[in-house]
Amino acid sequence: MSPSDSMPLHLVKLCVGIDAPDQLRALQHGRRLAVGDALVHTTRMIPRRADEIVPGGSLYWVMKGAVRCRQTILDLEPVTDPETGRSACRIHLDPTVVDTEAWPWRPFQGWRYLPPEKAPPDRRTGTGGGAGGADDVAAMPDDMQAALREMGFL
């Protein structure tokens, strides 16, 4: 089976200085207004497994010690930093920030590969309707959801 026949590989990266997905949305919206519609995040290392990431992979963002959201990766573009002459990678992102279930994640530098079976699910936003529904879970603070998930209640 070739990589393109399987589920896409993802990347996970720390979102330094950002505490919540809404803060990331606002920051990226402001940047897009300043530089046009392109939404690009530049990182120093180029993923060697790029063909397993694009198409279909996502960049999962770690905020305050947990994965909290993701964005679909549209392209990975190798570039050279004009100031340093070093190679870098532009990660072209879909502007839609999708909230995920808050999964604890320890700090690290750079980015890491994230196999699809280890990726947190998207946050449920169902039509709920009553105690214990998806809306009730989504309304809980992320740290409460994480604690309940750790105890096996979610």
N, C-alpha and C. Protein backbone atom coordinates (compact mmCIF):
# COMPACT_ATOMS: atom_id res chain seq x y z
N MET A 1 0.84 -1.17 0.00
CA MET A 1 0.00 0.00 0.00
C MET A 1 0.89 1.25 0.00
N SER A 2 0.64 2.16 -0.89
CA SER A 2 1.44 3.38 -0.96
C SER A 2 0.90 4.39 0.05
N PRO A 3 1.71 5.39 0.43
CA PRO A 3 1.26 6.39 1.40
C PRO A 3 -0.03 7.08 0.97
N SER A 4 -0.22 7.29 -0.34
CA SER A 4 -1.42 8.00 -0.78
C SER A 4 -2.68 7.16 -0.62
N ASP A 5 -2.54 5.81 -0.45
CA ASP A 5 -3.69 4.94 -0.27
C ASP A 5 -4.14 4.88 1.18
N SER A 6 -3.33 5.38 2.12
CA SER A 6 -3.65 5.29 3.54
C SER A 6 -4.14 6.64 4.06
N MET A 7 -4.45 6.65 5.33
CA MET A 7 -4.86 7.90 5.98
C MET A 7 -3.67 8.87 5.99
N PRO A 8 -3.95 10.17 5.85
CA PRO A 8 -2.85 11.13 5.82
C PRO A 8 -2.15 11.26 7.17
N LEU A 9 -0.88 11.56 7.10
CA LEU A 9 -0.08 11.85 8.28
C LEU A 9 -0.30 13.32 8.63
N HIS A 10 -0.21 13.65 9.91
CA HIS A 10 -0.42 15.02 10.36
C HIS A 10 0.86 15.55 11.01
N LEU A 11 0.87 16.84 11.28
CA LEU A 11 1.93 17.48 12.04
C LEU A 11 1.32 18.08 13.30
N VAL A 12 2.11 18.14 14.36
CA VAL A 12 1.69 18.81 15.59
C VAL A 12 2.77 19.83 15.94
N LYS A 13 2.34 21.02 16.37
CA LYS A 13 3.28 22.11 16.62
C LYS A 13 2.77 22.96 17.78
N LEU A 14 3.70 23.48 18.57
CA LEU A 14 3.33 24.41 19.64
C LEU A 14 2.87 25.73 19.04
N CYS A 15 1.85 26.31 19.61
CA CYS A 15 1.33 27.60 19.19
C CYS A 15 1.73 28.59 20.29
N VAL A 16 2.96 29.04 20.23
CA VAL A 16 3.56 29.86 21.29
C VAL A 16 2.86 31.22 21.41
N GLY A 17 2.50 31.56 22.64
CA GLY A 17 1.89 32.86 22.90
C GLY A 17 0.40 32.91 22.65
N ILE A 18 -0.18 31.81 22.24
CA ILE A 18 -1.62 31.74 21.97
C ILE A 18 -2.24 30.80 23.00
N ASP A 19 -3.32 31.23 23.63
CA ASP A 19 -3.95 30.44 24.69
C ASP A 19 -5.19 29.67 24.25
N ALA A 20 -5.82 30.09 23.14
CA ALA A 20 -7.09 29.47 22.74
C ALA A 20 -7.28 29.57 21.23
N PRO A 21 -8.06 28.66 20.67
CA PRO A 21 -8.31 28.69 19.22
C PRO A 21 -8.87 30.02 18.72
N ASP A 22 -9.74 30.67 19.48
CA ASP A 22 -10.28 31.96 19.03
C ASP A 22 -9.20 33.01 18.91
N GLN A 23 -8.20 32.96 19.77
CA GLN A 23 -7.07 33.89 19.69
C GLN A 23 -6.27 33.63 18.41
N LEU A 24 -6.08 32.35 18.05
CA LEU A 24 -5.39 32.00 16.80
C LEU A 24 -6.18 32.50 15.60
N ARG A 25 -7.50 32.30 15.63
CA ARG A 25 -8.35 32.77 14.53
C ARG A 25 -8.19 34.28 14.32
N ALA A 26 -8.23 35.03 15.40
CA ALA A 26 -8.12 36.49 15.31
C ALA A 26 -6.75 36.90 14.77
N LEU A 27 -5.70 36.27 15.27
CA LEU A 27 -4.35 36.59 14.81
C LEU A 27 -4.20 36.30 13.31
N GLN A 28 -4.64 35.12 12.89
CA GLN A 28 -4.50 34.76 11.48
C GLN A 28 -5.37 35.63 10.59
N HIS A 29 -6.55 36.00 11.07
CA HIS A 29 -7.42 36.88 10.29
C HIS A 29 -6.74 38.23 10.06
N GLY A 30 -6.13 38.76 11.12
CA GLY A 30 -5.41 40.03 11.00
C GLY A 30 -4.24 39.95 10.04
N ARG A 31 -3.52 38.83 10.07
CA ARG A 31 -2.39 38.66 9.15
C ARG A 31 -2.86 38.55 7.70
N ARG A 32 -3.97 37.84 7.49
CA ARG A 32 -4.48 37.69 6.12
C ARG A 32 -4.92 39.04 5.57
N LEU A 33 -5.50 39.88 6.41
CA LEU A 33 -5.90 41.20 5.96
C LEU A 33 -4.67 42.02 5.58
N ALA A 34 -3.58 41.83 6.30
CA ALA A 34 -2.36 42.61 6.05
C ALA A 34 -1.61 42.15 4.81
N VAL A 35 -1.61 40.84 4.53
CA VAL A 35 -0.78 40.34 3.43
C VAL A 35 -1.56 39.63 2.34
N GLY A 36 -2.87 39.69 2.36
CA GLY A 36 -3.67 39.02 1.34
C GLY A 36 -4.23 37.71 1.87
N ASP A 37 -4.83 36.93 0.99
CA ASP A 37 -5.53 35.71 1.40
C ASP A 37 -4.61 34.57 1.81
N ALA A 38 -3.34 34.62 1.46
CA ALA A 38 -2.44 33.51 1.76
C ALA A 38 -2.29 33.35 3.27
N LEU A 39 -2.41 32.10 3.72
CA LEU A 39 -2.19 31.80 5.13
C LEU A 39 -1.05 30.80 5.18
N VAL A 40 0.13 31.29 5.59
CA VAL A 40 1.34 30.49 5.56
C VAL A 40 2.02 30.56 6.91
N HIS A 41 2.48 29.40 7.37
CA HIS A 41 3.30 29.33 8.59
C HIS A 41 4.66 28.79 8.16
N THR A 42 5.72 29.51 8.47
CA THR A 42 7.06 29.08 8.06
C THR A 42 7.77 28.42 9.23
N THR A 43 8.40 27.30 8.95
CA THR A 43 9.16 26.56 9.94
C THR A 43 10.52 26.21 9.34
N ARG A 44 11.49 25.94 10.19
CA ARG A 44 12.85 25.72 9.70
C ARG A 44 13.04 24.38 8.99
N MET A 45 12.38 23.36 9.47
CA MET A 45 12.61 22.02 8.92
C MET A 45 11.54 21.65 7.88
N ILE A 46 11.97 20.94 6.86
CA ILE A 46 11.07 20.46 5.82
C ILE A 46 10.72 19.00 6.13
N PRO A 47 9.44 18.67 6.24
CA PRO A 47 9.09 17.27 6.52
C PRO A 47 9.56 16.33 5.41
N ARG A 48 10.29 15.31 5.77
CA ARG A 48 10.74 14.33 4.78
C ARG A 48 9.59 13.49 4.27
N ARG A 49 8.53 13.41 5.06
CA ARG A 49 7.38 12.58 4.70
C ARG A 49 6.24 13.43 4.14
N ALA A 50 6.60 14.49 3.41
CA ALA A 50 5.61 15.43 2.89
C ALA A 50 4.56 14.75 2.02
N ASP A 51 4.96 13.73 1.27
CA ASP A 51 4.00 13.05 0.40
C ASP A 51 2.94 12.29 1.18
N GLU A 52 3.17 12.05 2.47
CA GLU A 52 2.17 11.39 3.32
C GLU A 52 1.26 12.42 4.01
N ILE A 53 1.67 13.68 3.98
CA ILE A 53 0.92 14.74 4.66
C ILE A 53 -0.06 15.42 3.70
N VAL A 54 0.41 15.73 2.51
CA VAL A 54 -0.42 16.42 1.51
C VAL A 54 -0.78 15.43 0.42
N PRO A 55 -2.05 15.29 0.08
CA PRO A 55 -3.20 16.03 0.58
C PRO A 55 -3.83 15.35 1.79
N GLY A 56 -4.58 16.13 2.55
CA GLY A 56 -5.41 15.58 3.61
C GLY A 56 -4.90 15.70 5.02
N GLY A 57 -3.62 15.99 5.21
CA GLY A 57 -3.09 16.11 6.56
C GLY A 57 -3.45 17.44 7.19
N SER A 58 -3.31 17.51 8.50
CA SER A 58 -3.61 18.74 9.23
C SER A 58 -2.44 19.12 10.13
N LEU A 59 -2.39 20.38 10.48
CA LEU A 59 -1.46 20.88 11.49
C LEU A 59 -2.26 21.03 12.77
N TYR A 60 -1.90 20.24 13.78
CA TYR A 60 -2.57 20.29 15.09
C TYR A 60 -1.78 21.23 15.98
N TRP A 61 -2.48 22.19 16.57
CA TRP A 61 -1.86 23.22 17.39
C TRP A 61 -1.96 22.90 18.87
N VAL A 62 -0.82 22.97 19.58
CA VAL A 62 -0.76 22.78 21.03
C VAL A 62 -0.78 24.15 21.68
N MET A 63 -1.77 24.36 22.58
CA MET A 63 -1.91 25.62 23.31
C MET A 63 -2.08 25.30 24.79
N LYS A 64 -1.30 25.94 25.63
CA LYS A 64 -1.40 25.75 27.09
C LYS A 64 -1.38 24.27 27.47
N GLY A 65 -0.47 23.52 26.89
CA GLY A 65 -0.26 22.13 27.29
C GLY A 65 -1.21 21.11 26.72
N ALA A 66 -2.00 21.48 25.71
CA ALA A 66 -2.92 20.52 25.10
C ALA A 66 -3.15 20.86 23.63
N VAL A 67 -3.36 19.83 22.81
CA VAL A 67 -3.80 20.06 21.44
C VAL A 67 -5.22 20.59 21.56
N ARG A 68 -5.51 21.72 20.89
CA ARG A 68 -6.83 22.34 21.02
C ARG A 68 -7.52 22.60 19.69
N CYS A 69 -6.76 22.58 18.58
CA CYS A 69 -7.38 22.83 17.28
C CYS A 69 -6.45 22.35 16.17
N ARG A 70 -6.98 22.39 14.95
CA ARG A 70 -6.20 21.96 13.79
C ARG A 70 -6.59 22.79 12.58
N GLN A 71 -5.69 22.77 11.59
CA GLN A 71 -5.95 23.38 10.29
C GLN A 71 -5.46 22.42 9.21
N THR A 72 -6.22 22.29 8.14
CA THR A 72 -5.81 21.43 7.04
C THR A 72 -4.60 22.03 6.34
N ILE A 73 -3.62 21.17 6.05
CA ILE A 73 -2.43 21.59 5.33
C ILE A 73 -2.73 21.48 3.83
N LEU A 74 -2.61 22.59 3.13
CA LEU A 74 -2.89 22.61 1.70
C LEU A 74 -1.65 22.31 0.87
N ASP A 75 -0.48 22.72 1.37
CA ASP A 75 0.76 22.50 0.63
C ASP A 75 1.95 22.68 1.57
N LEU A 76 3.05 22.03 1.23
CA LEU A 76 4.32 22.21 1.92
C LEU A 76 5.31 22.69 0.87
N GLU A 77 5.83 23.89 1.05
CA GLU A 77 6.69 24.51 0.04
C GLU A 77 8.10 24.72 0.58
N PRO A 78 9.08 23.98 0.05
CA PRO A 78 10.47 24.23 0.46
C PRO A 78 10.93 25.60 -0.05
N VAL A 79 11.55 26.38 0.80
CA VAL A 79 12.04 27.71 0.44
C VAL A 79 13.42 27.92 1.06
N THR A 80 14.08 28.98 0.63
CA THR A 80 15.34 29.39 1.22
C THR A 80 15.14 30.74 1.87
N ASP A 81 15.53 30.85 3.13
CA ASP A 81 15.43 32.11 3.86
C ASP A 81 16.42 33.09 3.23
N PRO A 82 15.93 34.20 2.68
CA PRO A 82 16.84 35.14 2.00
C PRO A 82 17.87 35.79 2.92
N GLU A 83 17.55 35.89 4.22
CA GLU A 83 18.47 36.53 5.15
C GLU A 83 19.59 35.60 5.59
N THR A 84 19.28 34.32 5.80
CA THR A 84 20.27 33.39 6.33
C THR A 84 20.81 32.41 5.29
N GLY A 85 20.07 32.24 4.20
CA GLY A 85 20.46 31.25 3.20
C GLY A 85 20.11 29.83 3.57
N ARG A 86 19.46 29.64 4.73
CA ARG A 86 19.07 28.30 5.19
C ARG A 86 17.75 27.87 4.56
N SER A 87 17.61 26.55 4.43
CA SER A 87 16.35 26.04 3.91
C SER A 87 15.27 26.14 4.98
N ALA A 88 14.04 26.28 4.53
CA ALA A 88 12.89 26.38 5.42
C ALA A 88 11.70 25.76 4.70
N CYS A 89 10.57 25.75 5.36
CA CYS A 89 9.36 25.19 4.78
C CYS A 89 8.18 26.11 5.07
N ARG A 90 7.48 26.47 4.03
CA ARG A 90 6.23 27.22 4.19
C ARG A 90 5.10 26.20 4.22
N ILE A 91 4.34 26.23 5.30
CA ILE A 91 3.18 25.36 5.44
C ILE A 91 1.96 26.21 5.07
N HIS A 92 1.36 25.90 3.92
CA HIS A 92 0.17 26.61 3.47
C HIS A 92 -1.04 25.98 4.15
N LEU A 93 -1.82 26.81 4.85
CA LEU A 93 -2.92 26.31 5.68
C LEU A 93 -4.28 26.80 5.20
N ASP A 94 -5.27 25.94 5.35
CA ASP A 94 -6.65 26.35 5.15
C ASP A 94 -6.98 27.33 6.28
N PRO A 95 -7.65 28.42 6.00
CA PRO A 95 -7.92 29.40 7.06
C PRO A 95 -8.91 28.92 8.13
N THR A 96 -9.62 27.84 7.87
CA THR A 96 -10.58 27.34 8.85
C THR A 96 -9.86 26.65 10.00
N VAL A 97 -10.06 27.15 11.21
CA VAL A 97 -9.49 26.56 12.42
C VAL A 97 -10.58 25.68 13.03
N VAL A 98 -10.31 24.37 13.12
CA VAL A 98 -11.28 23.41 13.63
C VAL A 98 -10.91 23.07 15.07
N ASP A 99 -11.83 23.32 15.99
CA ASP A 99 -11.58 22.95 17.39
C ASP A 99 -11.53 21.43 17.52
N THR A 100 -10.61 20.94 18.34
CA THR A 100 -10.50 19.51 18.61
C THR A 100 -10.77 19.28 20.10
N GLU A 101 -10.95 18.03 20.45
CA GLU A 101 -10.99 17.69 21.86
C GLU A 101 -9.63 18.09 22.43
N ALA A 102 -9.59 18.62 23.63
CA ALA A 102 -8.33 19.05 24.26
C ALA A 102 -7.59 17.81 24.77
N TRP A 103 -6.45 17.51 24.13
CA TRP A 103 -5.63 16.37 24.53
C TRP A 103 -4.31 16.88 25.07
N PRO A 104 -3.93 16.47 26.29
CA PRO A 104 -2.67 16.92 26.88
C PRO A 104 -1.48 16.60 25.97
N TRP A 105 -0.52 17.54 25.92
CA TRP A 105 0.67 17.35 25.09
C TRP A 105 1.82 18.09 25.74
N ARG A 106 2.92 17.38 25.95
CA ARG A 106 4.09 17.99 26.59
C ARG A 106 4.81 18.93 25.62
N PRO A 107 5.50 19.92 26.18
CA PRO A 107 6.25 20.87 25.33
C PRO A 107 7.36 20.17 24.54
N PHE A 108 7.66 20.71 23.37
CA PHE A 108 8.73 20.21 22.51
C PHE A 108 9.12 21.35 21.57
N GLN A 109 10.22 21.17 20.86
CA GLN A 109 10.65 22.18 19.90
C GLN A 109 10.31 21.72 18.50
N GLY A 110 10.05 22.67 17.62
CA GLY A 110 9.77 22.35 16.22
C GLY A 110 8.39 21.75 16.05
N TRP A 111 8.29 20.74 15.21
CA TRP A 111 7.04 20.02 15.00
C TRP A 111 7.31 18.54 15.09
N ARG A 112 6.26 17.77 15.20
CA ARG A 112 6.35 16.31 15.26
C ARG A 112 5.33 15.72 14.30
N TYR A 113 5.63 14.54 13.79
CA TYR A 113 4.64 13.81 13.00
C TYR A 113 3.57 13.30 13.95
N LEU A 114 2.35 13.24 13.46
CA LEU A 114 1.22 12.76 14.25
C LEU A 114 0.42 11.78 13.40
N PRO A 115 0.53 10.47 13.71
CA PRO A 115 -0.23 9.48 12.94
C PRO A 115 -1.73 9.70 13.15
N PRO A 116 -2.53 9.40 12.14
CA PRO A 116 -3.97 9.67 12.25
C PRO A 116 -4.64 8.97 13.43
N GLU A 117 -4.17 7.79 13.80
CA GLU A 117 -4.79 7.07 14.91
C GLU A 117 -4.49 7.70 16.27
N LYS A 118 -3.53 8.62 16.32
CA LYS A 118 -3.19 9.30 17.59
C LYS A 118 -3.67 10.75 17.62
N ALA A 119 -4.33 11.18 16.56
CA ALA A 119 -4.82 12.56 16.48
C ALA A 119 -6.11 12.70 17.28
N PRO A 120 -6.24 13.79 18.02
CA PRO A 120 -7.49 14.00 18.77
C PRO A 120 -8.65 14.24 17.81
N PRO A 121 -9.84 13.78 18.18
CA PRO A 121 -11.00 14.01 17.32
C PRO A 121 -11.42 15.47 17.34
N ASP A 122 -12.13 15.87 16.30
CA ASP A 122 -12.70 17.21 16.28
C ASP A 122 -13.71 17.32 17.42
N ARG A 123 -13.81 18.51 17.96
CA ARG A 123 -14.74 18.74 19.07
C ARG A 123 -16.16 18.56 18.58
N ARG A 124 -16.93 17.85 19.37
CA ARG A 124 -18.34 17.62 19.02
C ARG A 124 -19.13 18.89 19.25
N THR A 125 -19.93 19.24 18.26
CA THR A 125 -20.77 20.42 18.38
C THR A 125 -22.21 20.07 18.03
N GLY A 126 -22.59 18.83 18.26
CA GLY A 126 -23.90 18.32 17.88
C GLY A 126 -25.05 19.18 18.35
N THR A 127 -26.24 18.74 18.03
CA THR A 127 -27.42 19.51 18.38
C THR A 127 -27.86 19.24 19.80
N GLY A 128 -27.13 18.40 20.51
CA GLY A 128 -27.32 18.21 21.95
C GLY A 128 -28.75 17.97 22.33
N GLY A 129 -29.24 18.82 23.22
CA GLY A 129 -30.62 18.68 23.62
C GLY A 129 -30.73 17.88 24.90
N GLY A 130 -30.39 18.46 26.02
CA GLY A 130 -30.57 17.76 27.28
C GLY A 130 -29.26 17.50 27.97
N ALA A 131 -29.38 17.05 29.20
CA ALA A 131 -28.20 16.79 30.02
C ALA A 131 -27.34 15.71 29.41
N GLY A 132 -26.05 15.95 29.38
CA GLY A 132 -25.11 14.95 28.89
C GLY A 132 -24.93 14.95 27.39
N GLY A 133 -25.56 15.88 26.68
CA GLY A 133 -25.44 15.94 25.23
C GLY A 133 -24.13 16.54 24.80
N ALA A 134 -23.87 16.49 23.49
CA ALA A 134 -22.62 17.01 22.93
C ALA A 134 -22.45 18.50 23.23
N ASP A 135 -23.57 19.25 23.25
CA ASP A 135 -23.47 20.67 23.55
C ASP A 135 -22.97 20.90 24.97
N ASP A 136 -23.40 20.05 25.90
CA ASP A 136 -22.97 20.19 27.29
C ASP A 136 -21.46 19.97 27.41
N VAL A 137 -20.94 18.97 26.70
CA VAL A 137 -19.50 18.69 26.73
C VAL A 137 -18.74 19.85 26.10
N ALA A 138 -19.20 20.34 24.97
CA ALA A 138 -18.51 21.43 24.28
C ALA A 138 -18.49 22.71 25.12
N ALA A 139 -19.50 22.88 25.99
CA ALA A 139 -19.56 24.08 26.81
C ALA A 139 -18.61 24.03 28.01
N MET A 140 -18.09 22.86 28.34
CA MET A 140 -17.16 22.73 29.47
C MET A 140 -15.81 23.35 29.14
N PRO A 141 -15.14 23.91 30.12
CA PRO A 141 -13.78 24.41 29.90
C PRO A 141 -12.86 23.25 29.47
N ASP A 142 -11.86 23.57 28.66
CA ASP A 142 -10.95 22.54 28.14
C ASP A 142 -10.28 21.75 29.23
N ASP A 143 -9.86 22.42 30.32
CA ASP A 143 -9.17 21.69 31.39
C ASP A 143 -10.11 20.71 32.09
N MET A 144 -11.39 21.07 32.20
CA MET A 144 -12.36 20.15 32.80
C MET A 144 -12.58 18.94 31.89
N GLN A 145 -12.70 19.20 30.57
CA GLN A 145 -12.84 18.09 29.63
C GLN A 145 -11.65 17.15 29.71
N ALA A 146 -10.44 17.72 29.78
CA ALA A 146 -9.23 16.91 29.84
C ALA A 146 -9.21 16.06 31.11
N ALA A 147 -9.60 16.64 32.24
CA ALA A 147 -9.61 15.89 33.50
C ALA A 147 -10.63 14.76 33.44
N LEU A 148 -11.81 15.03 32.92
CA LEU A 148 -12.85 14.01 32.81
C LEU A 148 -12.44 12.90 31.83
N ARG A 149 -11.75 13.29 30.76
CA ARG A 149 -11.28 12.29 29.78
C ARG A 149 -10.20 11.40 30.43
N GLU A 150 -9.31 12.01 31.22
CA GLU A 150 -8.26 11.25 31.90
C GLU A 150 -8.85 10.24 32.88
N MET A 151 -9.98 10.59 33.49
CA MET A 151 -10.64 9.69 34.44
C MET A 151 -11.54 8.68 33.74
N GLY A 152 -11.69 8.81 32.43
CA GLY A 152 -12.49 7.86 31.68
C GLY A 152 -13.98 8.20 31.59
N PHE A 153 -14.35 9.41 31.96
CA PHE A 153 -15.76 9.80 31.91
C PHE A 153 -16.18 10.34 30.54
N LEU A 154 -15.25 10.75 29.73
CA LEU A 154 -15.56 11.23 28.38
C LEU A 154 -14.84 10.39 27.37
